Amino acid sequence: MKLTRLTYLIAFVSLNFFCNAQSTEPVFIFKPVLGMTACQIHGDNASGYNKPGLTGGIMVNSRLSKKLSLDLGIIYSQKGAWKNQNPKNGDYTFFRINIDYIELPLLLNLKANSKYFITLGPSLAYLFNYNVNINGIDYGYLYHFNKFEYSVNFGLGRRIKGKWLVEVRTNNSFLPILNYGQTANLVFYPNPVARFFNKGLYNNILSAYIIYEIHPKKKSEPVVQ
């Protein structure tokens, strides 16, 4: 039910800003994006953005005002975690978690000036593939990751030349990608923030994007005889 409502909301908002765009401005701008991710999972007893990944797709931008616009996209995103052995400290545990998503971000885009911009908004992602390798053994069958991920994005970007832009963005789950069992959920945390973010595993992602803008050509106005 949550997925259906969110899908309808995204469709309604995108249709609304497309239909209300002024005819004197481009109705929308296509923005192919390609980037790298640095990933970790909160709650896996390891720290550091150690797992590299790829991300890319296409965003559609529609102008709301002189400084505000809305980005709606579909993006492939590699997430997960990676921990290497550390024999010097007596740690011989190795694990790698690969999680592949198709992600639908809906971002508010604010122009700070002619060069810099800020993005902020939620994402809904669909999990279509994952594997878990611990000490060289596949344990994926023991990990039942949730099919949908709900996350929030915050990014800082800059126009570098012409239609080329770059952006650094964070993407963090606010609901678990894998829930703890009932026993673990009985642990009481006096801090309300800790209680909220200790219900399972959460993705924490840093991404660096390169973006290119494609401006559709305006239709020529009819010549009045």
N, C-alpha and C. Protein backbone atom coordinates (compact mmCIF):
# COMPACT_ATOMS: atom_id res chain seq x y z
N MET A 1 0.82 -1.19 0.00
CA MET A 1 0.00 0.00 0.00
C MET A 1 0.87 1.26 0.00
N LYS A 2 1.94 1.26 0.80
CA LYS A 2 2.83 2.41 0.83
C LYS A 2 3.44 2.65 -0.54
N LEU A 3 3.87 1.56 -1.22
CA LEU A 3 4.47 1.68 -2.54
C LEU A 3 3.48 2.26 -3.54
N THR A 4 2.21 1.78 -3.50
CA THR A 4 1.20 2.26 -4.44
C THR A 4 0.95 3.74 -4.25
N ARG A 5 0.82 4.18 -3.01
CA ARG A 5 0.57 5.59 -2.76
C ARG A 5 1.74 6.45 -3.21
N LEU A 6 2.98 6.01 -2.92
CA LEU A 6 4.14 6.78 -3.32
C LEU A 6 4.27 6.85 -4.83
N THR A 7 3.96 5.74 -5.53
CA THR A 7 4.02 5.73 -6.99
C THR A 7 3.02 6.71 -7.58
N TYR A 8 1.78 6.70 -7.03
CA TYR A 8 0.77 7.63 -7.51
C TYR A 8 1.19 9.08 -7.24
N LEU A 9 1.81 9.32 -6.08
CA LEU A 9 2.25 10.67 -5.75
C LEU A 9 3.31 11.17 -6.72
N ILE A 10 4.32 10.31 -7.03
CA ILE A 10 5.37 10.69 -7.97
C ILE A 10 4.77 10.96 -9.34
N ALA A 11 3.86 10.09 -9.79
CA ALA A 11 3.24 10.28 -11.10
C ALA A 11 2.44 11.57 -11.15
N PHE A 12 1.68 11.86 -10.06
CA PHE A 12 0.86 13.07 -10.04
C PHE A 12 1.73 14.32 -10.05
N VAL A 13 2.78 14.34 -9.22
CA VAL A 13 3.65 15.52 -9.15
C VAL A 13 4.35 15.76 -10.48
N SER A 14 4.88 14.69 -11.09
CA SER A 14 5.59 14.85 -12.36
C SER A 14 4.65 15.34 -13.45
N LEU A 15 3.42 14.79 -13.51
CA LEU A 15 2.45 15.24 -14.51
C LEU A 15 2.06 16.68 -14.26
N ASN A 16 1.92 17.06 -12.99
CA ASN A 16 1.51 18.41 -12.66
C ASN A 16 2.55 19.44 -13.08
N PHE A 17 3.85 19.19 -12.77
CA PHE A 17 4.81 20.21 -13.13
C PHE A 17 5.10 20.22 -14.63
N PHE A 18 4.89 19.11 -15.33
CA PHE A 18 5.02 19.11 -16.77
C PHE A 18 3.92 19.96 -17.41
N CYS A 19 2.70 19.79 -16.93
CA CYS A 19 1.56 20.47 -17.55
C CYS A 19 1.53 21.95 -17.23
N ASN A 20 2.10 22.35 -16.08
CA ASN A 20 2.03 23.75 -15.67
C ASN A 20 3.25 24.55 -16.09
N ALA A 21 4.22 23.95 -16.77
CA ALA A 21 5.39 24.69 -17.21
C ALA A 21 4.97 25.75 -18.23
N GLN A 22 5.55 26.94 -18.17
CA GLN A 22 5.21 28.02 -19.08
C GLN A 22 5.75 27.71 -20.47
N SER A 23 5.02 28.13 -21.46
CA SER A 23 5.40 27.84 -22.84
C SER A 23 6.64 28.58 -23.27
N THR A 24 7.00 29.68 -22.54
CA THR A 24 8.19 30.45 -22.90
C THR A 24 9.47 29.78 -22.42
N GLU A 25 9.36 28.77 -21.57
CA GLU A 25 10.52 28.06 -21.04
C GLU A 25 10.47 26.61 -21.52
N PRO A 26 11.62 25.91 -21.54
CA PRO A 26 11.60 24.48 -21.86
C PRO A 26 10.69 23.73 -20.89
N VAL A 27 9.86 22.84 -21.40
CA VAL A 27 8.95 22.10 -20.54
C VAL A 27 9.75 21.22 -19.58
N PHE A 28 10.80 20.58 -20.09
CA PHE A 28 11.66 19.78 -19.22
C PHE A 28 13.03 19.63 -19.87
N ILE A 29 13.98 19.22 -19.04
CA ILE A 29 15.36 19.01 -19.46
C ILE A 29 15.75 17.58 -19.08
N PHE A 30 16.31 16.84 -20.02
CA PHE A 30 16.84 15.51 -19.73
C PHE A 30 18.26 15.63 -19.18
N LYS A 31 18.56 14.84 -18.14
CA LYS A 31 19.88 14.90 -17.52
C LYS A 31 20.43 13.48 -17.33
N PRO A 32 21.13 12.92 -18.32
CA PRO A 32 21.83 11.66 -18.08
C PRO A 32 22.89 11.85 -17.00
N VAL A 33 23.01 10.87 -16.09
CA VAL A 33 23.97 10.97 -14.99
C VAL A 33 24.78 9.68 -14.92
N LEU A 34 26.04 9.82 -14.54
CA LEU A 34 26.93 8.66 -14.37
C LEU A 34 27.84 8.96 -13.20
N GLY A 35 28.04 7.97 -12.33
CA GLY A 35 28.85 8.25 -11.16
C GLY A 35 29.42 7.03 -10.48
N MET A 36 30.15 7.31 -9.41
CA MET A 36 30.75 6.30 -8.55
C MET A 36 30.16 6.42 -7.15
N THR A 37 30.06 5.29 -6.45
CA THR A 37 29.55 5.29 -5.09
C THR A 37 30.59 4.73 -4.13
N ALA A 38 30.58 5.25 -2.91
CA ALA A 38 31.35 4.69 -1.79
C ALA A 38 30.32 4.29 -0.74
N CYS A 39 30.31 3.01 -0.35
CA CYS A 39 29.18 2.46 0.39
C CYS A 39 29.60 1.86 1.73
N GLN A 40 28.66 1.93 2.66
CA GLN A 40 28.77 1.18 3.91
C GLN A 40 27.36 0.85 4.39
N ILE A 41 27.28 -0.05 5.34
CA ILE A 41 25.99 -0.43 5.92
C ILE A 41 26.03 -0.16 7.41
N HIS A 42 25.14 0.67 7.88
CA HIS A 42 25.02 0.94 9.31
C HIS A 42 24.42 -0.28 10.00
N GLY A 43 25.13 -0.78 11.03
CA GLY A 43 24.63 -1.92 11.78
C GLY A 43 25.34 -3.22 11.48
N ASP A 44 26.38 -3.18 10.61
CA ASP A 44 27.07 -4.43 10.25
C ASP A 44 28.35 -4.66 11.05
N ASN A 45 28.58 -3.88 12.10
CA ASN A 45 29.76 -4.00 12.97
C ASN A 45 31.07 -3.69 12.25
N ALA A 46 31.01 -2.94 11.15
CA ALA A 46 32.20 -2.47 10.46
C ALA A 46 31.99 -0.99 10.15
N SER A 47 33.08 -0.27 9.93
CA SER A 47 32.97 1.16 9.67
C SER A 47 33.77 1.54 8.43
N GLY A 48 33.38 2.63 7.82
CA GLY A 48 34.10 3.14 6.66
C GLY A 48 33.37 2.86 5.36
N TYR A 49 33.45 3.84 4.45
CA TYR A 49 32.85 3.70 3.12
C TYR A 49 33.81 2.91 2.24
N ASN A 50 33.90 1.62 2.48
CA ASN A 50 34.95 0.80 1.87
C ASN A 50 34.54 0.11 0.58
N LYS A 51 33.26 0.01 0.30
CA LYS A 51 32.82 -0.71 -0.90
C LYS A 51 32.57 0.27 -2.05
N PRO A 52 33.31 0.13 -3.16
CA PRO A 52 33.05 0.98 -4.33
C PRO A 52 31.90 0.41 -5.16
N GLY A 53 31.28 1.29 -5.94
CA GLY A 53 30.19 0.84 -6.80
C GLY A 53 29.97 1.83 -7.93
N LEU A 54 29.05 1.48 -8.80
CA LEU A 54 28.68 2.32 -9.93
C LEU A 54 27.23 2.76 -9.79
N THR A 55 26.91 3.89 -10.37
CA THR A 55 25.55 4.38 -10.42
C THR A 55 25.36 5.18 -11.69
N GLY A 56 24.15 5.18 -12.21
CA GLY A 56 23.88 5.93 -13.43
C GLY A 56 22.45 5.76 -13.88
N GLY A 57 22.00 6.70 -14.68
CA GLY A 57 20.63 6.66 -15.18
C GLY A 57 20.28 7.97 -15.84
N ILE A 58 19.02 8.34 -15.72
CA ILE A 58 18.57 9.59 -16.32
C ILE A 58 17.60 10.30 -15.39
N MET A 59 17.75 11.61 -15.31
CA MET A 59 16.84 12.46 -14.55
C MET A 59 16.08 13.35 -15.53
N VAL A 60 14.87 13.71 -15.16
CA VAL A 60 14.07 14.67 -15.93
C VAL A 60 13.81 15.86 -15.02
N ASN A 61 14.21 17.05 -15.47
CA ASN A 61 14.12 18.26 -14.67
C ASN A 61 13.03 19.17 -15.21
N SER A 62 12.23 19.73 -14.32
CA SER A 62 11.23 20.71 -14.72
C SER A 62 11.33 21.94 -13.82
N ARG A 63 11.31 23.09 -14.44
CA ARG A 63 11.47 24.35 -13.71
C ARG A 63 10.18 24.73 -12.99
N LEU A 64 10.30 25.10 -11.71
CA LEU A 64 9.17 25.57 -10.93
C LEU A 64 9.19 27.09 -10.78
N SER A 65 10.39 27.64 -10.66
CA SER A 65 10.56 29.08 -10.56
C SER A 65 11.98 29.41 -11.05
N LYS A 66 12.39 30.64 -10.87
CA LYS A 66 13.71 31.04 -11.34
C LYS A 66 14.82 30.25 -10.67
N LYS A 67 14.65 29.90 -9.40
CA LYS A 67 15.70 29.21 -8.65
C LYS A 67 15.35 27.78 -8.30
N LEU A 68 14.09 27.41 -8.40
CA LEU A 68 13.65 26.08 -7.99
C LEU A 68 13.25 25.24 -9.19
N SER A 69 13.61 23.97 -9.14
CA SER A 69 13.15 23.00 -10.14
C SER A 69 13.02 21.65 -9.46
N LEU A 70 12.44 20.71 -10.17
CA LEU A 70 12.21 19.38 -9.63
C LEU A 70 12.84 18.34 -10.54
N ASP A 71 13.57 17.39 -9.93
CA ASP A 71 14.21 16.30 -10.66
C ASP A 71 13.50 14.99 -10.33
N LEU A 72 13.07 14.29 -11.38
CA LEU A 72 12.50 12.95 -11.22
C LEU A 72 13.34 12.01 -12.06
N GLY A 73 13.82 10.91 -11.46
CA GLY A 73 14.77 10.07 -12.19
C GLY A 73 14.56 8.59 -12.00
N ILE A 74 15.27 7.84 -12.80
CA ILE A 74 15.38 6.38 -12.65
C ILE A 74 16.87 6.04 -12.75
N ILE A 75 17.41 5.42 -11.71
CA ILE A 75 18.86 5.24 -11.58
C ILE A 75 19.17 3.81 -11.13
N TYR A 76 20.19 3.24 -11.73
CA TYR A 76 20.76 1.98 -11.26
C TYR A 76 21.82 2.31 -10.21
N SER A 77 21.78 1.64 -9.07
CA SER A 77 22.70 1.97 -7.99
C SER A 77 23.23 0.71 -7.31
N GLN A 78 24.56 0.61 -7.23
CA GLN A 78 25.21 -0.48 -6.51
C GLN A 78 25.51 -0.03 -5.08
N LYS A 79 25.03 -0.79 -4.11
CA LYS A 79 25.24 -0.47 -2.70
C LYS A 79 25.77 -1.70 -1.98
N GLY A 80 25.99 -1.56 -0.67
CA GLY A 80 26.48 -2.70 0.10
C GLY A 80 27.59 -2.33 1.06
N ALA A 81 28.44 -3.32 1.38
CA ALA A 81 29.53 -3.11 2.33
C ALA A 81 30.67 -4.07 2.03
N TRP A 82 31.85 -3.71 2.52
CA TRP A 82 33.05 -4.51 2.27
C TRP A 82 33.98 -4.38 3.46
N LYS A 83 34.39 -5.52 4.02
CA LYS A 83 35.35 -5.52 5.12
C LYS A 83 36.46 -6.51 4.81
N ASN A 84 37.70 -6.05 4.85
CA ASN A 84 38.86 -6.91 4.62
C ASN A 84 39.42 -7.43 5.94
N GLN A 85 40.23 -8.46 5.84
CA GLN A 85 40.91 -8.99 7.02
C GLN A 85 41.98 -8.02 7.50
N ASN A 86 42.28 -8.08 8.79
CA ASN A 86 43.35 -7.28 9.38
C ASN A 86 44.17 -8.18 10.31
N PRO A 87 45.05 -9.03 9.72
CA PRO A 87 45.81 -10.00 10.54
C PRO A 87 46.64 -9.36 11.63
N LYS A 88 47.13 -8.11 11.42
CA LYS A 88 47.95 -7.46 12.45
C LYS A 88 47.19 -7.29 13.75
N ASN A 89 45.88 -7.13 13.66
CA ASN A 89 45.05 -6.98 14.85
C ASN A 89 44.31 -8.27 15.22
N GLY A 90 44.72 -9.37 14.58
CA GLY A 90 44.09 -10.64 14.88
C GLY A 90 42.69 -10.79 14.30
N ASP A 91 42.38 -9.97 13.29
CA ASP A 91 41.05 -10.02 12.67
C ASP A 91 41.16 -10.74 11.33
N TYR A 92 40.58 -11.92 11.23
CA TYR A 92 40.66 -12.71 10.00
C TYR A 92 39.29 -12.84 9.31
N THR A 93 38.37 -11.96 9.69
CA THR A 93 37.04 -12.00 9.11
C THR A 93 36.97 -11.13 7.87
N PHE A 94 36.43 -11.71 6.80
CA PHE A 94 36.22 -10.98 5.55
C PHE A 94 34.75 -11.10 5.16
N PHE A 95 34.16 -9.99 4.73
CA PHE A 95 32.82 -10.11 4.14
C PHE A 95 32.61 -9.04 3.08
N ARG A 96 31.77 -9.37 2.14
CA ARG A 96 31.39 -8.44 1.06
C ARG A 96 29.90 -8.61 0.80
N ILE A 97 29.18 -7.51 0.85
CA ILE A 97 27.74 -7.50 0.58
C ILE A 97 27.50 -6.63 -0.65
N ASN A 98 26.98 -7.22 -1.70
CA ASN A 98 26.62 -6.50 -2.92
C ASN A 98 25.10 -6.41 -3.02
N ILE A 99 24.57 -5.20 -3.16
CA ILE A 99 23.13 -4.98 -3.27
C ILE A 99 22.87 -4.07 -4.47
N ASP A 100 22.06 -4.53 -5.40
CA ASP A 100 21.77 -3.77 -6.62
C ASP A 100 20.32 -3.29 -6.61
N TYR A 101 20.14 -1.99 -6.85
CA TYR A 101 18.82 -1.38 -6.83
C TYR A 101 18.52 -0.64 -8.14
N ILE A 102 17.23 -0.57 -8.46
CA ILE A 102 16.71 0.42 -9.39
C ILE A 102 16.02 1.48 -8.53
N GLU A 103 16.50 2.71 -8.64
CA GLU A 103 16.09 3.76 -7.71
C GLU A 103 15.32 4.87 -8.41
N LEU A 104 14.30 5.38 -7.72
CA LEU A 104 13.48 6.48 -8.23
C LEU A 104 13.60 7.67 -7.29
N PRO A 105 14.54 8.59 -7.54
CA PRO A 105 14.65 9.78 -6.69
C PRO A 105 13.71 10.89 -7.15
N LEU A 106 13.18 11.64 -6.21
CA LEU A 106 12.38 12.83 -6.46
C LEU A 106 13.02 13.96 -5.67
N LEU A 107 13.71 14.88 -6.37
CA LEU A 107 14.59 15.84 -5.71
C LEU A 107 14.18 17.28 -6.03
N LEU A 108 14.17 18.10 -4.98
CA LEU A 108 14.02 19.54 -5.16
C LEU A 108 15.40 20.12 -5.44
N ASN A 109 15.51 20.88 -6.52
CA ASN A 109 16.79 21.44 -6.98
C ASN A 109 16.76 22.95 -6.78
N LEU A 110 17.66 23.46 -5.93
CA LEU A 110 17.72 24.89 -5.62
C LEU A 110 19.01 25.48 -6.16
N LYS A 111 18.91 26.49 -7.02
CA LYS A 111 20.08 27.19 -7.53
C LYS A 111 20.54 28.24 -6.53
N ALA A 112 21.74 28.08 -5.99
CA ALA A 112 22.29 29.07 -5.09
C ALA A 112 22.75 30.30 -5.87
N ASN A 113 23.33 30.07 -7.06
CA ASN A 113 23.72 31.13 -7.98
C ASN A 113 23.86 30.51 -9.36
N SER A 114 24.56 31.19 -10.27
CA SER A 114 24.67 30.69 -11.64
C SER A 114 25.49 29.40 -11.75
N LYS A 115 26.29 29.08 -10.72
CA LYS A 115 27.17 27.91 -10.78
C LYS A 115 26.76 26.80 -9.82
N TYR A 116 26.36 27.15 -8.61
CA TYR A 116 26.17 26.15 -7.56
C TYR A 116 24.69 25.86 -7.32
N PHE A 117 24.40 24.59 -6.96
CA PHE A 117 23.03 24.20 -6.67
C PHE A 117 23.01 23.15 -5.56
N ILE A 118 21.84 23.00 -4.94
CA ILE A 118 21.61 22.05 -3.85
C ILE A 118 20.44 21.15 -4.23
N THR A 119 20.53 19.86 -3.94
CA THR A 119 19.42 18.95 -4.17
C THR A 119 19.02 18.28 -2.85
N LEU A 120 17.72 18.06 -2.70
CA LEU A 120 17.21 17.45 -1.48
C LEU A 120 15.90 16.73 -1.79
N GLY A 121 15.77 15.48 -1.31
CA GLY A 121 14.51 14.78 -1.52
C GLY A 121 14.62 13.29 -1.26
N PRO A 122 13.49 12.58 -1.32
CA PRO A 122 13.45 11.15 -1.02
C PRO A 122 13.73 10.29 -2.25
N SER A 123 13.99 9.02 -1.99
CA SER A 123 14.13 8.01 -3.04
C SER A 123 13.38 6.75 -2.64
N LEU A 124 12.82 6.10 -3.64
CA LEU A 124 12.27 4.76 -3.49
C LEU A 124 13.08 3.83 -4.38
N ALA A 125 13.61 2.74 -3.83
CA ALA A 125 14.47 1.84 -4.61
C ALA A 125 13.93 0.41 -4.54
N TYR A 126 14.06 -0.29 -5.67
CA TYR A 126 13.64 -1.69 -5.76
C TYR A 126 14.87 -2.59 -5.82
N LEU A 127 14.96 -3.54 -4.91
CA LEU A 127 16.07 -4.48 -4.86
C LEU A 127 15.83 -5.61 -5.87
N PHE A 128 16.77 -5.76 -6.83
CA PHE A 128 16.59 -6.84 -7.81
C PHE A 128 17.71 -7.87 -7.77
N ASN A 129 18.77 -7.61 -7.00
CA ASN A 129 19.84 -8.61 -6.91
C ASN A 129 20.71 -8.32 -5.69
N TYR A 130 21.18 -9.39 -5.02
CA TYR A 130 22.14 -9.20 -3.93
C TYR A 130 22.87 -10.51 -3.68
N ASN A 131 24.06 -10.39 -3.06
CA ASN A 131 24.78 -11.57 -2.59
C ASN A 131 25.63 -11.20 -1.39
N VAL A 132 25.83 -12.18 -0.52
CA VAL A 132 26.59 -11.98 0.72
C VAL A 132 27.68 -13.03 0.78
N ASN A 133 28.94 -12.58 0.82
CA ASN A 133 30.08 -13.48 0.88
C ASN A 133 30.82 -13.24 2.19
N ILE A 134 30.89 -14.28 3.03
CA ILE A 134 31.60 -14.18 4.31
C ILE A 134 32.69 -15.24 4.33
N ASN A 135 33.93 -14.78 4.41
CA ASN A 135 35.09 -15.69 4.43
C ASN A 135 35.07 -16.67 3.26
N GLY A 136 34.68 -16.16 2.08
CA GLY A 136 34.71 -16.97 0.87
C GLY A 136 33.51 -17.88 0.66
N ILE A 137 32.52 -17.80 1.54
CA ILE A 137 31.33 -18.67 1.44
C ILE A 137 30.10 -17.81 1.19
N ASP A 138 29.24 -18.25 0.28
CA ASP A 138 28.02 -17.53 -0.05
C ASP A 138 26.95 -17.80 1.01
N TYR A 139 26.56 -16.71 1.73
CA TYR A 139 25.53 -16.82 2.75
C TYR A 139 24.28 -16.03 2.37
N GLY A 140 24.13 -15.72 1.08
CA GLY A 140 23.00 -14.91 0.66
C GLY A 140 21.64 -15.48 1.03
N TYR A 141 21.55 -16.81 1.09
CA TYR A 141 20.26 -17.45 1.40
C TYR A 141 19.81 -17.19 2.83
N LEU A 142 20.73 -16.74 3.70
CA LEU A 142 20.39 -16.46 5.09
C LEU A 142 19.94 -15.02 5.32
N TYR A 143 20.18 -14.16 4.34
CA TYR A 143 19.89 -12.74 4.49
C TYR A 143 18.68 -12.37 3.62
N HIS A 144 17.60 -12.00 4.27
CA HIS A 144 16.36 -11.68 3.56
C HIS A 144 16.18 -10.16 3.53
N PHE A 145 16.90 -9.52 2.59
CA PHE A 145 16.80 -8.07 2.46
C PHE A 145 15.41 -7.67 1.99
N ASN A 146 14.94 -6.53 2.47
CA ASN A 146 13.65 -6.02 2.05
C ASN A 146 13.68 -5.63 0.58
N LYS A 147 12.59 -5.89 -0.12
CA LYS A 147 12.53 -5.64 -1.56
C LYS A 147 12.58 -4.14 -1.89
N PHE A 148 12.16 -3.30 -0.96
CA PHE A 148 12.12 -1.87 -1.22
C PHE A 148 12.94 -1.11 -0.18
N GLU A 149 13.65 -0.11 -0.66
CA GLU A 149 14.44 0.75 0.22
C GLU A 149 13.87 2.16 0.17
N TYR A 150 13.76 2.79 1.35
CA TYR A 150 13.27 4.17 1.46
C TYR A 150 14.41 5.01 2.01
N SER A 151 14.81 6.04 1.28
CA SER A 151 15.99 6.80 1.66
C SER A 151 15.78 8.29 1.40
N VAL A 152 16.71 9.09 1.91
CA VAL A 152 16.69 10.53 1.70
C VAL A 152 18.03 10.95 1.10
N ASN A 153 18.00 11.95 0.20
CA ASN A 153 19.19 12.42 -0.50
C ASN A 153 19.48 13.88 -0.17
N PHE A 154 20.76 14.19 -0.13
CA PHE A 154 21.20 15.58 -0.02
C PHE A 154 22.46 15.75 -0.86
N GLY A 155 22.45 16.73 -1.76
CA GLY A 155 23.59 16.89 -2.67
C GLY A 155 24.01 18.34 -2.85
N LEU A 156 25.27 18.52 -3.19
CA LEU A 156 25.84 19.82 -3.55
C LEU A 156 26.46 19.68 -4.93
N GLY A 157 26.10 20.59 -5.85
CA GLY A 157 26.58 20.48 -7.22
C GLY A 157 27.09 21.78 -7.78
N ARG A 158 27.76 21.67 -8.94
CA ARG A 158 28.35 22.84 -9.59
C ARG A 158 28.33 22.66 -11.10
N ARG A 159 27.99 23.71 -11.79
CA ARG A 159 28.10 23.71 -13.25
C ARG A 159 29.56 23.99 -13.59
N ILE A 160 30.19 23.08 -14.35
CA ILE A 160 31.61 23.25 -14.63
C ILE A 160 31.86 23.91 -15.99
N LYS A 161 31.04 23.59 -16.98
CA LYS A 161 31.21 24.22 -18.29
C LYS A 161 30.00 23.91 -19.16
N GLY A 162 29.39 24.96 -19.70
CA GLY A 162 28.26 24.77 -20.59
C GLY A 162 27.16 23.95 -19.95
N LYS A 163 26.87 22.79 -20.52
CA LYS A 163 25.80 21.92 -20.04
C LYS A 163 26.31 20.79 -19.14
N TRP A 164 27.57 20.86 -18.75
CA TRP A 164 28.16 19.83 -17.89
C TRP A 164 28.11 20.26 -16.43
N LEU A 165 27.70 19.34 -15.56
CA LEU A 165 27.62 19.59 -14.13
C LEU A 165 28.25 18.43 -13.37
N VAL A 166 28.65 18.71 -12.14
CA VAL A 166 29.10 17.66 -11.22
C VAL A 166 28.34 17.82 -9.91
N GLU A 167 28.16 16.70 -9.21
CA GLU A 167 27.43 16.74 -7.94
C GLU A 167 27.96 15.66 -7.01
N VAL A 168 28.08 16.02 -5.73
CA VAL A 168 28.38 15.07 -4.67
C VAL A 168 27.13 14.92 -3.83
N ARG A 169 26.70 13.67 -3.60
CA ARG A 169 25.40 13.44 -2.97
C ARG A 169 25.50 12.35 -1.91
N THR A 170 24.78 12.53 -0.82
CA THR A 170 24.62 11.48 0.19
C THR A 170 23.25 10.83 0.00
N ASN A 171 23.18 9.55 0.29
CA ASN A 171 21.93 8.80 0.20
C ASN A 171 21.88 7.86 1.40
N ASN A 172 20.90 8.06 2.27
CA ASN A 172 20.84 7.29 3.51
C ASN A 172 19.45 6.70 3.72
N SER A 173 19.39 5.41 4.01
CA SER A 173 18.12 4.76 4.32
C SER A 173 17.56 5.32 5.62
N PHE A 174 16.23 5.54 5.66
CA PHE A 174 15.61 5.90 6.93
C PHE A 174 14.70 4.80 7.45
N LEU A 175 14.52 3.73 6.66
CA LEU A 175 13.89 2.49 7.12
C LEU A 175 14.87 1.35 6.86
N PRO A 176 14.83 0.27 7.66
CA PRO A 176 15.83 -0.80 7.49
C PRO A 176 15.75 -1.47 6.12
N ILE A 177 16.93 -1.81 5.59
CA ILE A 177 16.99 -2.63 4.37
C ILE A 177 16.93 -4.11 4.74
N LEU A 178 17.22 -4.42 6.01
CA LEU A 178 17.09 -5.77 6.58
C LEU A 178 16.75 -5.60 8.05
N ASN A 179 15.65 -6.19 8.47
CA ASN A 179 15.17 -6.02 9.84
C ASN A 179 15.87 -6.98 10.79
N TYR A 180 16.15 -6.47 12.00
CA TYR A 180 16.63 -7.36 13.05
C TYR A 180 15.51 -8.30 13.48
N GLY A 181 15.89 -9.38 14.16
CA GLY A 181 14.89 -10.30 14.69
C GLY A 181 14.18 -9.72 15.90
N GLN A 182 13.17 -10.42 16.37
CA GLN A 182 12.37 -9.93 17.48
C GLN A 182 13.19 -9.78 18.76
N THR A 183 14.14 -10.67 18.99
CA THR A 183 14.96 -10.60 20.20
C THR A 183 15.79 -9.32 20.23
N ALA A 184 16.41 -8.99 19.08
CA ALA A 184 17.23 -7.78 19.02
C ALA A 184 16.38 -6.53 19.20
N ASN A 185 15.14 -6.56 18.73
CA ASN A 185 14.27 -5.39 18.85
C ASN A 185 13.79 -5.16 20.28
N LEU A 186 14.01 -6.12 21.18
CA LEU A 186 13.63 -5.93 22.58
C LEU A 186 14.64 -5.08 23.34
N VAL A 187 15.82 -4.85 22.75
CA VAL A 187 16.84 -4.02 23.41
C VAL A 187 16.33 -2.58 23.48
N PHE A 188 16.38 -1.97 24.67
CA PHE A 188 15.89 -0.60 24.84
C PHE A 188 17.05 0.38 24.78
N TYR A 189 16.90 1.42 23.93
CA TYR A 189 17.88 2.49 23.82
C TYR A 189 17.26 3.76 24.39
N PRO A 190 17.89 4.38 25.39
CA PRO A 190 17.30 5.59 26.00
C PRO A 190 17.24 6.77 25.04
N ASN A 191 18.12 6.79 24.04
CA ASN A 191 18.13 7.87 23.06
C ASN A 191 17.10 7.56 21.97
N PRO A 192 16.13 8.48 21.71
CA PRO A 192 15.10 8.20 20.69
C PRO A 192 15.67 8.03 19.29
N VAL A 193 16.74 8.75 18.97
CA VAL A 193 17.38 8.59 17.66
C VAL A 193 17.98 7.20 17.53
N ALA A 194 18.66 6.73 18.59
CA ALA A 194 19.24 5.39 18.59
C ALA A 194 18.15 4.33 18.46
N ARG A 195 17.01 4.55 19.13
CA ARG A 195 15.91 3.59 19.03
C ARG A 195 15.39 3.50 17.60
N PHE A 196 15.32 4.64 16.91
CA PHE A 196 14.80 4.66 15.55
C PHE A 196 15.74 3.97 14.58
N PHE A 197 17.07 4.18 14.74
CA PHE A 197 18.04 3.67 13.79
C PHE A 197 18.74 2.39 14.27
N ASN A 198 18.13 1.65 15.15
CA ASN A 198 18.67 0.35 15.57
C ASN A 198 17.63 -0.74 15.43
N LYS A 199 16.88 -0.68 14.34
CA LYS A 199 15.87 -1.70 14.05
C LYS A 199 16.34 -2.67 12.98
N GLY A 200 17.55 -2.43 12.44
CA GLY A 200 18.06 -3.29 11.38
C GLY A 200 19.28 -2.69 10.73
N LEU A 201 19.52 -3.06 9.47
CA LEU A 201 20.64 -2.54 8.69
C LEU A 201 20.15 -1.41 7.79
N TYR A 202 21.03 -0.42 7.58
CA TYR A 202 20.69 0.75 6.78
C TYR A 202 21.83 1.07 5.82
N ASN A 203 21.50 1.43 4.60
CA ASN A 203 22.51 1.85 3.62
C ASN A 203 22.95 3.28 3.88
N ASN A 204 24.26 3.51 3.84
CA ASN A 204 24.84 4.86 3.86
C ASN A 204 25.74 4.99 2.64
N ILE A 205 25.42 5.94 1.75
CA ILE A 205 26.10 6.03 0.46
C ILE A 205 26.61 7.45 0.22
N LEU A 206 27.83 7.54 -0.31
CA LEU A 206 28.36 8.79 -0.87
C LEU A 206 28.53 8.58 -2.37
N SER A 207 28.00 9.52 -3.16
CA SER A 207 28.06 9.40 -4.62
C SER A 207 28.66 10.66 -5.23
N ALA A 208 29.39 10.46 -6.32
CA ALA A 208 29.92 11.57 -7.11
C ALA A 208 29.41 11.38 -8.54
N TYR A 209 28.66 12.37 -9.05
CA TYR A 209 28.04 12.28 -10.37
C TYR A 209 28.63 13.28 -11.34
N ILE A 210 28.66 12.89 -12.60
CA ILE A 210 28.86 13.84 -13.68
C ILE A 210 27.56 13.84 -14.48
N ILE A 211 27.08 15.03 -14.80
CA ILE A 211 25.75 15.21 -15.37
C ILE A 211 25.85 16.04 -16.64
N TYR A 212 25.04 15.67 -17.64
CA TYR A 212 24.97 16.44 -18.88
C TYR A 212 23.51 16.82 -19.13
N GLU A 213 23.27 18.08 -19.46
CA GLU A 213 21.91 18.55 -19.71
C GLU A 213 21.58 18.48 -21.20
N ILE A 214 20.42 17.93 -21.51
CA ILE A 214 19.91 17.89 -22.88
C ILE A 214 18.66 18.75 -22.93
N HIS A 215 18.74 19.89 -23.62
CA HIS A 215 17.62 20.82 -23.72
C HIS A 215 16.86 20.54 -25.01
N PRO A 216 15.60 20.09 -24.91
CA PRO A 216 14.81 19.89 -26.14
C PRO A 216 14.66 21.21 -26.89
N LYS A 217 14.68 21.14 -28.21
CA LYS A 217 14.54 22.34 -29.02
C LYS A 217 13.11 22.86 -28.91
N LYS A 218 12.99 24.18 -28.82
CA LYS A 218 11.67 24.79 -28.76
C LYS A 218 11.04 24.74 -30.14
N LYS A 219 9.73 24.52 -30.14
CA LYS A 219 9.01 24.56 -31.40
C LYS A 219 8.93 26.01 -31.90
N SER A 220 9.19 26.18 -33.17
CA SER A 220 9.13 27.52 -33.75
C SER A 220 7.69 28.01 -33.80
N GLU A 221 7.53 29.29 -33.49
CA GLU A 221 6.19 29.88 -33.48
C GLU A 221 5.69 30.03 -34.90
N PRO A 222 4.35 29.84 -35.15
CA PRO A 222 3.83 29.98 -36.50
C PRO A 222 3.94 31.42 -37.01
N VAL A 223 4.22 31.53 -38.27
CA VAL A 223 4.37 32.85 -38.89
C VAL A 223 2.99 33.42 -39.20
N VAL A 224 2.73 34.65 -38.71
CA VAL A 224 1.45 35.29 -38.96
C VAL A 224 1.51 36.02 -40.28
N GLN A 225 0.59 35.68 -41.20
CA GLN A 225 0.56 36.30 -42.52
C GLN A 225 -0.06 37.71 -42.43
